Amino acid sequence: MSLTAPRKRYRPPAPLGGRRVAPGAGRGGPGRSGRRNATALAFLGPALIVLTVFVAWPMLSALRTSFTDASGFGEAEWVGFDNYVEVFTDPDLLNAVLNTLWYTVLFTPTAVIAALALALVLNSPALPFRGLFRTALFLPFVVSLAVAAYAWTYLIDPQVGLLNHWLGGVGLQLGNVLEDPQLAMPAVALVAVWKNFGFYLVIFLAGLQDIPGTLYEAAKVDGAGPWRRFTNVTLPLLSNTMAFVVVFAMIAALQAFDQIYVMTGGGPYGNTQTIVMEIYESGFRRLELGFASALSYVLLVATLLLSIVQFVFFGRREKDAQ
């Protein structure tokens, strides 16, 4: 009688979360594959219908309208590329383009830098009441931008505004900034920064918490100070997060409308008239739907190109950092 136990035949481990499947048994036939496709389509169907009706069809309809002289009344005539030629040759549109660029320059760096700086502070474990501060800074993002604009309009009103009242207590007078050609655009940009930077703050916090703490410890051992750790560890590893935040902020800046419509209406003297404000006035006040649609698609293409350029730029920086 042999005292050696019989050797068991090797069996491959079962897949995670499921039972062991014999070779060739899990592929299924054409009928099973068809049922899976039908089930997936049933789940995707409602979303696809909503996207088709409320996104795809309006976009295609607007594209067709951009080649006509549609006004919303009567029969629209086909005019070809005349609306697009007018977009690039209209002298009044240049003011809206320059104002949009100026607003983008004011909003994007301010919102991104403020969000990153506060994210670095709130990411410190030594800071007390971090949860309270994070919640307080994120709350403005859940408020409608139009509602926030109304609130800020009364807050900075030279007659009844609390801000002017508080500044008057220390001998300062802000004046009517919304009627000042030089201060109107910074004022509406500041409202957008206050409203949106909390969202960018949360994104940066998520990116910072994904950075391993061992990298900072290794940098400290090598003698790197806070600034060196920030430039050599934090920024390179935040490249993807930074790209998302910058692109998102720039797209929001190029589409600025709500607070400008509420606070200034494009004034004073057209100094806050942006491209989206021009689209609104062309389409709904002057009833030039064809021109407004063409301008919308030009803005869409410009935004897409800027996004691609930024993603390529940050992608190269990430490769260089690796």
Protein backbone atom coordinates (compact mmCIF):
# COMPACT_ATOMS: atom_id res chain seq x y z
CA MET A 1 0.00 0.00 0.00
CA SER A 2 1.45 3.36 -1.04
CA LEU A 3 1.62 6.09 1.59
CA THR A 4 1.92 8.83 -1.05
CA ALA A 5 -1.33 10.70 -1.71
CA PRO A 6 -2.43 10.74 -5.32
CA ARG A 7 -1.52 13.94 -7.14
CA LYS A 8 -4.55 16.07 -7.90
CA ARG A 9 -5.09 17.22 -11.41
CA TYR A 10 -4.44 20.94 -11.87
CA ARG A 11 -7.55 23.05 -12.31
CA PRO A 12 -7.31 26.72 -13.36
CA PRO A 13 -8.68 29.24 -10.86
CA ALA A 14 -12.20 30.49 -11.29
CA PRO A 15 -12.62 33.99 -12.71
CA LEU A 16 -13.20 36.82 -10.24
CA GLY A 17 -16.81 37.18 -9.23
CA GLY A 18 -18.04 34.10 -11.02
CA ARG A 19 -17.85 30.37 -11.36
CA ARG A 20 -15.33 28.42 -13.41
CA VAL A 21 -16.28 28.14 -17.06
CA ALA A 22 -15.18 25.22 -19.17
CA PRO A 23 -13.15 26.06 -22.30
CA GLY A 24 -15.44 27.04 -25.13
CA ALA A 25 -18.55 26.95 -22.92
CA GLY A 26 -18.94 30.71 -22.31
CA ARG A 27 -18.98 31.98 -25.83
CA GLY A 28 -22.63 31.39 -26.51
CA GLY A 29 -24.30 31.11 -29.84
CA PRO A 30 -25.76 33.69 -32.19
CA GLY A 31 -29.04 33.66 -30.27
CA ARG A 32 -27.39 34.54 -26.96
CA SER A 33 -25.36 37.32 -28.55
CA GLY A 34 -28.50 38.71 -30.13
CA ARG A 35 -30.31 38.71 -26.80
CA ARG A 36 -27.41 40.57 -25.18
CA ASN A 37 -27.47 43.19 -27.94
CA ALA A 38 -31.22 43.58 -27.58
CA THR A 39 -30.89 44.01 -23.81
CA ALA A 40 -28.13 46.60 -24.21
CA LEU A 41 -30.19 48.46 -26.82
CA ALA A 42 -33.21 48.43 -24.50
CA PHE A 43 -31.18 50.12 -21.77
CA LEU A 44 -29.58 52.59 -24.18
CA GLY A 45 -32.77 53.29 -26.12
CA PRO A 46 -34.33 55.99 -23.88
CA ALA A 47 -31.06 57.90 -23.63
CA LEU A 48 -30.47 57.64 -27.38
CA ILE A 49 -33.97 58.91 -28.09
CA VAL A 50 -33.49 61.91 -25.78
CA LEU A 51 -30.08 62.72 -27.31
CA THR A 52 -31.45 62.40 -30.84
CA VAL A 53 -34.53 64.57 -30.23
CA PHE A 54 -32.96 67.26 -28.06
CA VAL A 55 -29.30 67.31 -29.21
CA ALA A 56 -28.61 65.71 -32.58
CA TRP A 57 -31.72 66.93 -34.41
CA PRO A 58 -31.45 70.58 -33.20
CA MET A 59 -27.77 70.63 -34.18
CA LEU A 60 -28.52 69.35 -37.67
CA SER A 61 -31.46 71.72 -37.99
CA ALA A 62 -29.28 74.68 -36.93
CA LEU A 63 -26.62 73.63 -39.43
CA ARG A 64 -29.17 73.67 -42.23
CA THR A 65 -30.56 77.00 -41.01
CA SER A 66 -27.07 78.53 -41.16
CA PHE A 67 -27.18 78.23 -44.95
CA THR A 68 -30.51 80.08 -45.24
CA ASP A 69 -31.92 83.53 -44.54
CA ALA A 70 -34.43 82.15 -42.06
CA SER A 71 -36.16 84.65 -39.79
CA GLY A 72 -38.76 82.44 -38.15
CA PHE A 73 -41.51 83.80 -40.40
CA GLY A 74 -42.25 82.87 -43.97
CA GLU A 75 -40.25 80.61 -46.25
CA ALA A 76 -36.48 80.52 -45.79
CA GLU A 77 -34.33 80.86 -48.91
CA TRP A 78 -31.03 79.06 -49.45
CA VAL A 79 -28.13 81.55 -49.41
CA GLY A 80 -25.16 79.17 -49.26
CA PHE A 81 -22.13 80.46 -47.37
CA ASP A 82 -23.30 84.08 -47.26
CA ASN A 83 -23.94 83.96 -43.51
CA TYR A 84 -20.47 82.55 -42.83
CA VAL A 85 -18.90 85.23 -45.03
CA GLU A 86 -20.81 87.86 -43.05
CA VAL A 87 -19.55 86.36 -39.77
CA PHE A 88 -15.94 86.95 -40.83
CA THR A 89 -16.54 90.36 -42.44
CA ASP A 90 -19.03 92.05 -40.08
CA PRO A 91 -17.14 94.93 -38.37
CA ASP A 92 -19.59 95.00 -35.45
CA LEU A 93 -18.83 91.36 -34.64
CA LEU A 94 -15.14 92.16 -34.04
CA ASN A 95 -16.09 94.00 -30.85
CA ALA A 96 -17.90 90.92 -29.54
CA VAL A 97 -14.93 88.70 -30.37
CA LEU A 98 -12.48 90.99 -28.58
CA ASN A 99 -14.77 91.25 -25.56
CA THR A 100 -15.07 87.46 -25.41
CA LEU A 101 -11.30 87.07 -25.53
CA TRP A 102 -10.89 89.70 -22.81
CA TYR A 103 -13.45 87.94 -20.65
CA THR A 104 -11.66 84.61 -21.23
CA VAL A 105 -8.34 86.14 -20.18
CA LEU A 106 -9.92 87.55 -17.03
CA PHE A 107 -11.91 84.47 -16.04
CA THR A 108 -9.84 81.42 -16.94
CA PRO A 109 -6.49 82.11 -15.19
CA THR A 110 -8.19 83.67 -12.15
CA ALA A 111 -10.58 80.75 -11.61
CA VAL A 112 -7.93 78.08 -12.23
CA ILE A 113 -5.24 79.67 -10.03
CA ALA A 114 -7.69 80.40 -7.20
CA ALA A 115 -9.04 76.85 -7.31
CA LEU A 116 -5.56 75.30 -7.34
CA ALA A 117 -4.27 77.50 -4.52
CA LEU A 118 -7.22 76.73 -2.26
CA ALA A 119 -7.07 73.04 -3.18
CA LEU A 120 -3.46 72.92 -1.97
CA VAL A 121 -4.51 74.54 1.31
CA LEU A 122 -7.56 72.32 1.83
CA ASN A 123 -5.58 69.20 0.99
CA SER A 124 -3.41 69.67 4.08
CA PRO A 125 -4.31 67.17 6.85
CA ALA A 126 -3.27 69.73 9.46
CA LEU A 127 -6.06 72.15 8.47
CA PRO A 128 -9.01 72.02 10.93
CA PHE A 129 -12.62 72.00 9.67
CA ARG A 130 -11.54 70.99 6.16
CA GLY A 131 -14.94 69.50 5.38
CA LEU A 132 -16.72 72.72 6.37
CA PHE A 133 -14.44 74.86 4.21
CA ARG A 134 -14.81 72.53 1.22
CA THR A 135 -18.58 72.59 1.47
CA ALA A 136 -18.72 76.38 1.86
CA LEU A 137 -16.49 76.97 -1.17
CA PHE A 138 -18.41 74.50 -3.34
CA LEU A 139 -21.90 75.83 -2.48
CA PRO A 140 -21.86 78.76 -4.97
CA PHE A 141 -21.50 76.27 -7.82
CA VAL A 142 -24.93 74.76 -7.14
CA VAL A 143 -26.57 78.19 -7.39
CA SER A 144 -27.91 79.27 -10.77
CA LEU A 145 -25.60 81.77 -12.44
CA ALA A 146 -28.54 84.05 -13.25
CA VAL A 147 -29.62 84.03 -9.58
CA ALA A 148 -26.04 84.74 -8.49
CA ALA A 149 -25.87 87.60 -11.00
CA TYR A 150 -29.04 89.17 -9.59
CA ALA A 151 -27.65 88.88 -6.07
CA TRP A 152 -24.34 90.46 -7.03
CA THR A 153 -26.11 93.24 -8.94
CA TYR A 154 -27.81 94.34 -5.74
CA LEU A 155 -24.69 93.69 -3.68
CA ILE A 156 -22.59 96.15 -5.69
CA ASP A 157 -25.37 98.66 -6.36
CA PRO A 158 -24.03 102.16 -5.55
CA GLN A 159 -27.25 103.17 -3.77
CA VAL A 160 -28.44 100.12 -1.79
CA GLY A 161 -25.55 97.67 -2.15
CA LEU A 162 -24.02 96.22 0.98
CA LEU A 163 -20.55 96.18 -0.55
CA ASN A 164 -20.55 99.93 -1.09
CA HIS A 165 -21.98 100.40 2.41
CA TRP A 166 -19.17 98.35 3.96
CA LEU A 167 -16.51 100.10 1.91
CA GLY A 168 -17.98 103.46 2.84
CA GLY A 169 -17.34 102.60 6.48
CA VAL A 170 -13.59 102.67 5.81
CA GLY A 171 -13.70 105.72 3.56
CA LEU A 172 -13.83 103.94 0.18
CA GLN A 173 -16.42 104.30 -2.55
CA LEU A 174 -16.75 101.68 -5.27
CA GLY A 175 -19.18 103.56 -7.50
CA ASN A 176 -21.41 102.07 -10.19
CA VAL A 177 -18.99 99.54 -11.66
CA LEU A 178 -21.60 98.07 -14.03
CA GLU A 179 -21.89 101.43 -15.80
CA ASP A 180 -18.13 101.92 -15.99
CA PRO A 181 -16.71 100.86 -19.40
CA GLN A 182 -13.43 99.81 -17.77
CA LEU A 183 -14.81 97.94 -14.75
CA ALA A 184 -17.96 96.30 -16.13
CA MET A 185 -16.20 93.32 -17.71
CA PRO A 186 -13.99 92.58 -14.66
CA ALA A 187 -17.12 92.76 -12.50
CA VAL A 188 -19.08 90.17 -14.50
CA ALA A 189 -15.97 87.99 -14.75
CA LEU A 190 -15.54 88.14 -10.97
CA VAL A 191 -19.10 86.88 -10.48
CA ALA A 192 -18.36 83.92 -12.77
CA VAL A 193 -15.15 83.17 -10.85
CA TRP A 194 -17.02 83.23 -7.52
CA LYS A 195 -19.69 80.96 -8.98
CA ASN A 196 -17.51 78.33 -10.71
CA PHE A 197 -14.16 78.03 -8.96
CA GLY A 198 -15.62 75.72 -6.28
CA PHE A 199 -16.21 73.08 -8.95
CA TYR A 200 -12.61 73.37 -10.18
CA LEU A 201 -11.48 73.21 -6.55
CA VAL A 202 -13.13 69.80 -6.11
CA ILE A 203 -11.50 68.51 -9.30
CA PHE A 204 -8.08 69.66 -8.14
CA LEU A 205 -8.62 68.07 -4.72
CA ALA A 206 -9.40 64.75 -6.38
CA GLY A 207 -6.21 65.03 -8.45
CA LEU A 208 -4.08 65.94 -5.42
CA GLN A 209 -5.37 63.00 -3.41
CA ASP A 210 -4.31 60.62 -6.19
CA ILE A 211 -0.65 61.67 -5.84
CA PRO A 212 1.23 59.15 -3.65
CA GLY A 213 2.58 60.63 -0.45
CA THR A 214 5.80 58.62 -0.86
CA LEU A 215 6.82 60.93 -3.71
CA TYR A 216 6.72 63.95 -1.42
CA GLU A 217 8.65 62.06 1.24
CA ALA A 218 11.32 61.12 -1.30
CA ALA A 219 11.52 64.75 -2.45
CA LYS A 220 11.98 65.90 1.15
CA VAL A 221 14.80 63.37 1.61
CA ASP A 222 16.47 64.80 -1.49
CA GLY A 223 16.30 68.26 0.07
CA ALA A 224 13.49 69.71 -2.04
CA GLY A 225 11.62 72.60 -0.44
CA PRO A 226 7.87 73.34 -0.77
CA TRP A 227 8.27 75.18 -4.10
CA ARG A 228 10.45 72.45 -5.62
CA ARG A 229 8.00 69.77 -4.48
CA PHE A 230 5.17 71.76 -6.05
CA THR A 231 6.91 72.29 -9.40
CA ASN A 232 8.61 68.88 -9.69
CA VAL A 233 5.98 66.60 -8.13
CA THR A 234 2.58 68.24 -7.90
CA LEU A 235 2.33 70.06 -11.22
CA PRO A 236 3.61 67.21 -13.46
CA LEU A 237 1.26 64.70 -11.83
CA LEU A 238 -1.66 67.14 -12.14
CA SER A 239 -1.22 67.52 -15.90
CA ASN A 240 -4.38 65.64 -16.82
CA THR A 241 -6.41 67.36 -14.13
CA MET A 242 -5.03 70.74 -15.13
CA ALA A 243 -5.89 70.09 -18.79
CA PHE A 244 -9.48 69.22 -17.91
CA VAL A 245 -9.95 72.26 -15.66
CA VAL A 246 -8.38 74.71 -18.12
CA VAL A 247 -10.38 73.38 -21.07
CA PHE A 248 -13.59 73.34 -19.05
CA ALA A 249 -12.99 76.88 -17.79
CA MET A 250 -12.15 78.19 -21.25
CA ILE A 251 -15.26 76.64 -22.77
CA ALA A 252 -17.34 78.22 -20.01
CA ALA A 253 -15.69 81.58 -20.72
CA LEU A 254 -16.34 81.39 -24.46
CA GLN A 255 -20.00 80.65 -23.73
CA ALA A 256 -20.46 83.51 -21.24
CA PHE A 257 -24.02 84.80 -21.34
CA ASP A 258 -26.11 84.49 -18.15
CA GLN A 259 -24.51 86.99 -15.82
CA ILE A 260 -23.77 89.41 -18.66
CA TYR A 261 -27.40 89.36 -19.80
CA VAL A 262 -28.62 89.95 -16.23
CA MET A 263 -26.03 92.45 -15.02
CA THR A 264 -25.18 94.60 -18.03
CA GLY A 265 -27.17 93.41 -21.05
CA GLY A 266 -24.03 93.82 -23.14
CA GLY A 267 -23.37 97.39 -22.02
CA PRO A 268 -22.15 99.89 -21.21
CA TYR A 269 -21.59 100.97 -24.81
CA GLY A 270 -21.14 97.36 -25.91
CA ASN A 271 -18.14 96.77 -23.64
CA THR A 272 -19.54 93.46 -22.33
CA GLN A 273 -21.10 92.30 -25.60
CA THR A 274 -19.81 88.74 -26.10
CA ILE A 275 -20.22 86.29 -28.97
CA VAL A 276 -23.08 84.44 -27.28
CA MET A 277 -24.80 87.76 -26.54
CA GLU A 278 -24.44 88.57 -30.24
CA ILE A 279 -25.97 85.18 -31.14
CA TYR A 280 -28.90 85.89 -28.83
CA GLU A 281 -29.55 89.36 -30.19
CA SER A 282 -29.16 88.24 -33.81
CA GLY A 283 -31.50 85.30 -33.43
CA PHE A 284 -34.17 86.55 -31.03
CA ARG A 285 -34.16 90.33 -31.35
CA ARG A 286 -33.22 90.95 -34.97
CA LEU A 287 -34.69 87.58 -36.12
CA GLU A 288 -31.60 86.77 -38.20
CA LEU A 289 -31.73 83.06 -37.44
CA GLY A 290 -29.47 82.08 -40.34
CA PHE A 291 -26.69 84.45 -39.25
CA ALA A 292 -27.08 83.42 -35.59
CA SER A 293 -26.82 79.73 -36.53
CA ALA A 294 -23.71 80.34 -38.62
CA LEU A 295 -22.10 82.29 -35.77
CA SER A 296 -22.97 79.45 -33.38
CA TYR A 297 -21.17 76.90 -35.54
CA VAL A 298 -18.12 79.14 -35.92
CA LEU A 299 -17.96 79.39 -32.12
CA LEU A 300 -18.37 75.61 -31.84
CA VAL A 301 -15.47 74.94 -34.22
CA ALA A 302 -13.25 77.53 -32.50
CA THR A 303 -13.97 75.99 -29.08
CA LEU A 304 -13.23 72.50 -30.41
CA LEU A 305 -9.91 73.59 -31.92
CA LEU A 306 -8.82 75.34 -28.73
CA SER A 307 -9.69 72.24 -26.70
CA ILE A 308 -7.65 70.00 -29.01
CA VAL A 309 -4.65 72.34 -28.85
CA GLN A 310 -4.75 72.41 -25.05
CA PHE A 311 -5.07 68.64 -24.72
CA VAL A 312 -2.12 68.15 -27.08
CA PHE A 313 -0.06 70.70 -25.12
CA PHE A 314 -0.76 69.13 -21.73
CA GLY A 315 -0.30 65.64 -23.18
CA ARG A 316 3.21 66.54 -24.35
CA ARG A 317 4.05 68.06 -20.98
CA GLU A 318 2.96 64.86 -19.26
CA LYS A 319 5.19 62.77 -21.56
CA ASP A 320 8.12 65.07 -20.91
CA ALA A 321 7.54 64.77 -17.15
CA GLN A 322 7.66 60.98 -17.42
